[in-house]
Protein backbone atom coordinates (compact mmCIF):
# COMPACT_ATOMS: atom_id res chain seq x y z
CA MET A 1 -24.68 -67.49 -8.35
CA ASN A 2 -26.69 -64.49 -7.25
CA LYS A 3 -28.89 -62.98 -9.81
CA MET A 4 -29.44 -59.27 -9.46
CA SER A 5 -32.71 -57.79 -10.49
CA ASP A 6 -32.92 -55.58 -13.55
CA GLU A 7 -33.55 -52.54 -11.37
CA ASN A 8 -29.93 -52.68 -10.17
CA TYR A 9 -28.63 -52.25 -13.70
CA ILE A 10 -28.58 -49.19 -15.93
CA SER A 11 -28.13 -49.13 -19.64
CA LEU A 12 -24.80 -48.26 -21.17
CA LYS A 13 -26.39 -45.15 -22.67
CA GLU A 14 -27.63 -43.99 -19.26
CA PHE A 15 -24.19 -44.66 -17.77
CA PHE A 16 -22.40 -42.53 -20.36
CA LEU A 17 -25.03 -39.78 -20.16
CA HIS A 18 -24.56 -39.66 -16.40
CA LYS A 19 -20.76 -39.50 -16.80
CA LEU A 20 -21.12 -36.77 -19.42
CA GLU A 21 -23.34 -34.73 -17.09
CA GLU A 22 -20.77 -35.12 -14.30
CA GLN A 23 -18.00 -33.93 -16.61
CA GLU A 24 -20.08 -30.98 -17.76
CA ARG A 25 -20.74 -29.99 -14.12
CA SER A 26 -17.03 -30.32 -13.33
CA LEU A 27 -16.12 -28.27 -16.39
CA THR A 28 -18.64 -25.58 -15.45
CA LEU A 29 -17.23 -25.37 -11.92
CA ALA A 30 -13.67 -25.23 -13.23
CA ARG A 31 -14.62 -22.51 -15.73
CA GLN A 32 -16.32 -20.45 -13.00
CA SER A 33 -13.31 -20.84 -10.75
CA LEU A 34 -10.94 -19.78 -13.54
CA GLU A 35 -13.10 -16.77 -14.42
CA LYS A 36 -13.16 -15.69 -10.78
CA ARG A 37 -9.38 -16.03 -10.54
CA LEU A 38 -8.89 -14.10 -13.79
CA GLU A 39 -11.19 -11.33 -12.53
CA GLY A 40 -9.00 -11.04 -9.44
CA MET A 41 -5.88 -10.90 -11.58
CA ASN A 42 -7.44 -8.23 -13.80
CA GLU A 43 -8.37 -6.17 -10.73
CA PHE A 44 -4.80 -6.49 -9.46
CA ARG A 45 -3.40 -5.49 -12.87
CA ALA A 46 -5.70 -2.44 -12.98
CA GLN A 47 -4.60 -1.46 -9.49
CA LEU A 48 -0.94 -1.70 -10.52
CA GLN A 49 -1.57 0.44 -13.60
CA LYS A 50 -3.38 3.03 -11.50
CA GLN A 51 -0.52 3.03 -8.99
CA GLU A 52 2.03 3.32 -11.79
CA GLY A 53 0.52 6.68 -12.71
CA THR A 54 1.55 8.09 -9.33
CA PHE A 55 5.24 7.18 -9.68
CA VAL A 56 7.88 9.74 -10.55
CA THR A 57 9.69 9.02 -13.79
CA ARG A 58 13.48 8.80 -13.90
CA LYS A 59 13.62 12.03 -15.91
CA GLU A 60 11.41 13.88 -13.40
CA LEU A 61 13.49 12.57 -10.49
CA ASP A 62 16.72 13.71 -12.16
CA ILE A 63 15.28 17.22 -12.60
CA ILE A 64 14.16 17.35 -8.95
CA LEU A 65 17.50 16.08 -7.64
CA ASN A 66 19.48 18.47 -9.85
CA THR A 67 17.38 21.38 -8.58
CA ILE A 68 17.94 20.32 -4.96
CA ASN A 69 21.67 19.94 -5.55
CA LYS A 70 21.89 23.38 -7.20
CA ASP A 71 20.00 24.91 -4.26
CA ARG A 72 22.31 23.14 -1.79
CA ARG A 73 25.42 24.34 -3.63
CA ALA A 74 24.02 27.88 -3.62
CA ASP A 75 23.26 27.64 0.10
CA ILE A 76 26.76 26.31 0.82
CA SER A 77 28.29 29.15 -1.22
CA ILE A 78 26.30 31.69 0.80
CA LEU A 79 27.35 30.05 4.08
CA ILE A 80 31.01 30.06 3.04
CA SER A 81 30.76 33.73 2.09
CA LEU A 82 29.13 34.58 5.43
CA LEU A 83 31.75 32.58 7.29
CA ALA A 84 34.51 34.43 5.44
CA ILE A 85 32.92 37.78 6.38
CA ILE A 86 32.59 36.72 10.04
CA VAL A 87 36.23 35.59 10.13
CA ALA A 88 37.32 38.87 8.54
CA VAL A 89 35.27 40.92 11.02
CA LEU A 90 36.54 38.92 14.00
CA THR A 91 40.12 39.20 12.75
CA VAL A 92 39.82 42.98 12.48
CA PHE A 93 38.00 43.22 15.82
CA PHE A 94 40.54 41.21 17.81
CA LYS A 95 43.53 42.97 16.26
CA LEU A 96 42.40 46.31 17.61
């Protein structure tokens, strides 16, 4: 049987301390990674909130569309009136 020298062995305490240090390093790296990811998510959330401020609300859009529709109806009424006048003038003109 091969006997290994004492220098190849570490104490149980040293073994667990080493494992604990490895776990602490892993935990630190995981925490840093999570914090970086959360910072990115917070930046994205802030960007969405900033962008949200530029959107038109439903109420504002309804007001705008109603105004446009009223203007269009008024324009159509004017065009119909003008067309009626033109037809009347042409009717009188061609009857002479």
